[in-house]
Amino acid sequence: MSTNAKRAIVGLIGGLGFIFLLAGAIGHVYATTTGVIIMFGCWLVAGVLAKFWGLKKEKPE
């Protein structure tokens, strides 16, 4: 799998966590605290995947 594909997967999982937060806070689908817990879970999974795949943040020049 290419590096760009790995970055895309990690970014999508992180974005999905933010969507869960918004669904709880704005959409009243479930409690906001539940959305925060799910968001941190998604971000944790994204961080573990990024570390496992050896992805590093790009430094602006």
N, C-alpha and C. Protein backbone atom coordinates (compact mmCIF):
# COMPACT_ATOMS: atom_id res chain seq x y z
N MET A 1 0.84 -1.16 0.00
CA MET A 1 0.00 0.00 0.00
C MET A 1 0.89 1.24 0.00
N SER A 2 0.51 2.22 -0.79
CA SER A 2 1.34 3.42 -0.90
C SER A 2 1.19 4.32 0.33
N THR A 3 2.12 5.22 0.48
CA THR A 3 2.10 6.14 1.61
C THR A 3 0.89 7.06 1.54
N ASN A 4 0.53 7.50 0.34
CA ASN A 4 -0.63 8.38 0.20
C ASN A 4 -1.91 7.67 0.59
N ALA A 5 -2.03 6.41 0.27
CA ALA A 5 -3.22 5.64 0.65
C ALA A 5 -3.29 5.48 2.17
N LYS A 6 -2.15 5.25 2.79
CA LYS A 6 -2.12 5.13 4.25
C LYS A 6 -2.52 6.44 4.90
N ARG A 7 -2.01 7.55 4.39
CA ARG A 7 -2.37 8.87 4.94
C ARG A 7 -3.86 9.15 4.74
N ALA A 8 -4.40 8.73 3.62
CA ALA A 8 -5.82 8.94 3.37
C ALA A 8 -6.68 8.15 4.36
N ILE A 9 -6.31 6.92 4.64
CA ILE A 9 -7.06 6.10 5.59
C ILE A 9 -7.01 6.70 6.98
N VAL A 10 -5.83 7.13 7.41
CA VAL A 10 -5.68 7.75 8.73
C VAL A 10 -6.49 9.05 8.80
N GLY A 11 -6.45 9.84 7.74
CA GLY A 11 -7.22 11.08 7.70
C GLY A 11 -8.72 10.84 7.73
N LEU A 12 -9.18 9.82 7.03
CA LEU A 12 -10.61 9.50 7.03
C LEU A 12 -11.08 9.03 8.40
N ILE A 13 -10.29 8.23 9.07
CA ILE A 13 -10.67 7.78 10.41
C ILE A 13 -10.71 8.97 11.37
N GLY A 14 -9.74 9.86 11.27
CA GLY A 14 -9.75 11.06 12.11
C GLY A 14 -10.94 11.96 11.82
N GLY A 15 -11.27 12.12 10.55
CA GLY A 15 -12.43 12.92 10.16
C GLY A 15 -13.74 12.28 10.60
N LEU A 16 -13.78 10.97 10.57
CA LEU A 16 -14.96 10.26 11.04
C LEU A 16 -15.20 10.51 12.52
N GLY A 17 -14.14 10.60 13.30
CA GLY A 17 -14.27 10.93 14.71
C GLY A 17 -14.88 12.31 14.91
N PHE A 18 -14.46 13.27 14.09
CA PHE A 18 -15.04 14.61 14.18
C PHE A 18 -16.51 14.60 13.80
N ILE A 19 -16.89 13.81 12.82
CA ILE A 19 -18.29 13.70 12.41
C ILE A 19 -19.13 13.11 13.54
N PHE A 20 -18.58 12.12 14.25
CA PHE A 20 -19.29 11.56 15.40
C PHE A 20 -19.51 12.62 16.47
N LEU A 21 -18.51 13.47 16.69
CA LEU A 21 -18.66 14.55 17.65
C LEU A 21 -19.78 15.50 17.24
N LEU A 22 -19.79 15.89 15.98
CA LEU A 22 -20.83 16.80 15.50
C LEU A 22 -22.22 16.17 15.55
N ALA A 23 -22.31 14.87 15.27
CA ALA A 23 -23.60 14.20 15.31
C ALA A 23 -24.17 14.21 16.72
N GLY A 24 -23.32 14.11 17.71
CA GLY A 24 -23.80 14.15 19.09
C GLY A 24 -24.10 15.55 19.55
N ALA A 25 -23.27 16.51 19.17
CA ALA A 25 -23.42 17.87 19.66
C ALA A 25 -24.51 18.65 18.93
N ILE A 26 -24.57 18.52 17.62
CA ILE A 26 -25.51 19.32 16.84
C ILE A 26 -26.75 18.52 16.46
N GLY A 27 -26.55 17.27 16.06
CA GLY A 27 -27.66 16.48 15.56
C GLY A 27 -28.51 15.83 16.62
N HIS A 28 -28.05 15.84 17.87
CA HIS A 28 -28.78 15.24 18.98
C HIS A 28 -29.13 13.78 18.69
N VAL A 29 -28.24 13.08 18.00
CA VAL A 29 -28.43 11.66 17.73
C VAL A 29 -28.20 10.87 19.01
N TYR A 30 -27.25 11.31 19.79
CA TYR A 30 -26.92 10.72 21.09
C TYR A 30 -26.30 11.83 21.93
N ALA A 31 -25.96 11.53 23.15
CA ALA A 31 -25.41 12.55 24.05
C ALA A 31 -24.06 13.04 23.54
N THR A 32 -23.77 14.28 23.84
CA THR A 32 -22.50 14.88 23.40
C THR A 32 -21.31 14.15 24.01
N THR A 33 -21.45 13.73 25.26
CA THR A 33 -20.33 13.02 25.89
C THR A 33 -20.04 11.70 25.18
N THR A 34 -21.08 11.05 24.68
CA THR A 34 -20.87 9.83 23.89
C THR A 34 -20.11 10.15 22.61
N GLY A 35 -20.45 11.26 21.97
CA GLY A 35 -19.74 11.69 20.77
C GLY A 35 -18.28 11.98 21.04
N VAL A 36 -17.99 12.58 22.18
CA VAL A 36 -16.60 12.89 22.54
C VAL A 36 -15.83 11.59 22.77
N ILE A 37 -16.45 10.64 23.44
CA ILE A 37 -15.78 9.36 23.70
C ILE A 37 -15.50 8.63 22.40
N ILE A 38 -16.47 8.60 21.49
CA ILE A 38 -16.27 7.94 20.20
C ILE A 38 -15.20 8.68 19.39
N MET A 39 -15.20 10.02 19.45
CA MET A 39 -14.20 10.80 18.73
C MET A 39 -12.79 10.46 19.20
N PHE A 40 -12.59 10.43 20.53
CA PHE A 40 -11.27 10.09 21.04
C PHE A 40 -10.87 8.67 20.66
N GLY A 41 -11.84 7.77 20.62
CA GLY A 41 -11.56 6.40 20.19
C GLY A 41 -11.10 6.35 18.75
N CYS A 42 -11.78 7.09 17.87
CA CYS A 42 -11.37 7.13 16.46
C CYS A 42 -9.99 7.74 16.31
N TRP A 43 -9.74 8.81 17.06
CA TRP A 43 -8.44 9.46 16.97
C TRP A 43 -7.35 8.56 17.51
N LEU A 44 -7.65 7.79 18.52
CA LEU A 44 -6.68 6.84 19.06
C LEU A 44 -6.35 5.78 18.02
N VAL A 45 -7.36 5.24 17.35
CA VAL A 45 -7.14 4.24 16.31
C VAL A 45 -6.32 4.85 15.16
N ALA A 46 -6.64 6.08 14.76
CA ALA A 46 -5.90 6.74 13.69
C ALA A 46 -4.44 6.96 14.09
N GLY A 47 -4.21 7.35 15.33
CA GLY A 47 -2.84 7.55 15.79
C GLY A 47 -2.05 6.27 15.85
N VAL A 48 -2.69 5.20 16.30
CA VAL A 48 -2.00 3.90 16.35
C VAL A 48 -1.66 3.42 14.95
N LEU A 49 -2.60 3.57 14.02
CA LEU A 49 -2.33 3.17 12.63
C LEU A 49 -1.19 4.00 12.04
N ALA A 50 -1.20 5.30 12.28
CA ALA A 50 -0.15 6.16 11.75
C ALA A 50 1.21 5.76 12.31
N LYS A 51 1.26 5.45 13.59
CA LYS A 51 2.52 5.03 14.20
C LYS A 51 2.96 3.67 13.66
N PHE A 52 2.00 2.76 13.51
CA PHE A 52 2.30 1.42 13.02
C PHE A 52 2.82 1.46 11.58
N TRP A 53 2.23 2.33 10.76
CA TRP A 53 2.63 2.43 9.36
C TRP A 53 3.83 3.35 9.17
N GLY A 54 4.31 3.99 10.21
CA GLY A 54 5.49 4.85 10.11
C GLY A 54 5.22 6.17 9.43
N LEU A 55 4.02 6.70 9.55
CA LEU A 55 3.70 7.98 8.93
C LEU A 55 4.14 9.10 9.86
N LYS A 56 4.71 10.14 9.27
CA LYS A 56 5.14 11.29 10.03
C LYS A 56 4.47 12.54 9.46
N LYS A 57 4.27 13.54 10.31
CA LYS A 57 3.67 14.79 9.84
C LYS A 57 4.65 15.50 8.92
N GLU A 58 4.08 16.11 7.88
CA GLU A 58 4.91 16.85 6.95
C GLU A 58 5.27 18.19 7.56
N LYS A 59 6.55 18.54 7.46
CA LYS A 59 7.01 19.81 7.98
C LYS A 59 6.93 20.86 6.87
N PRO A 60 6.24 21.97 7.13
CA PRO A 60 6.19 23.02 6.10
C PRO A 60 7.56 23.68 5.94
N GLU A 61 7.86 24.02 4.72
CA GLU A 61 9.17 24.63 4.44
C GLU A 61 9.07 26.12 4.36
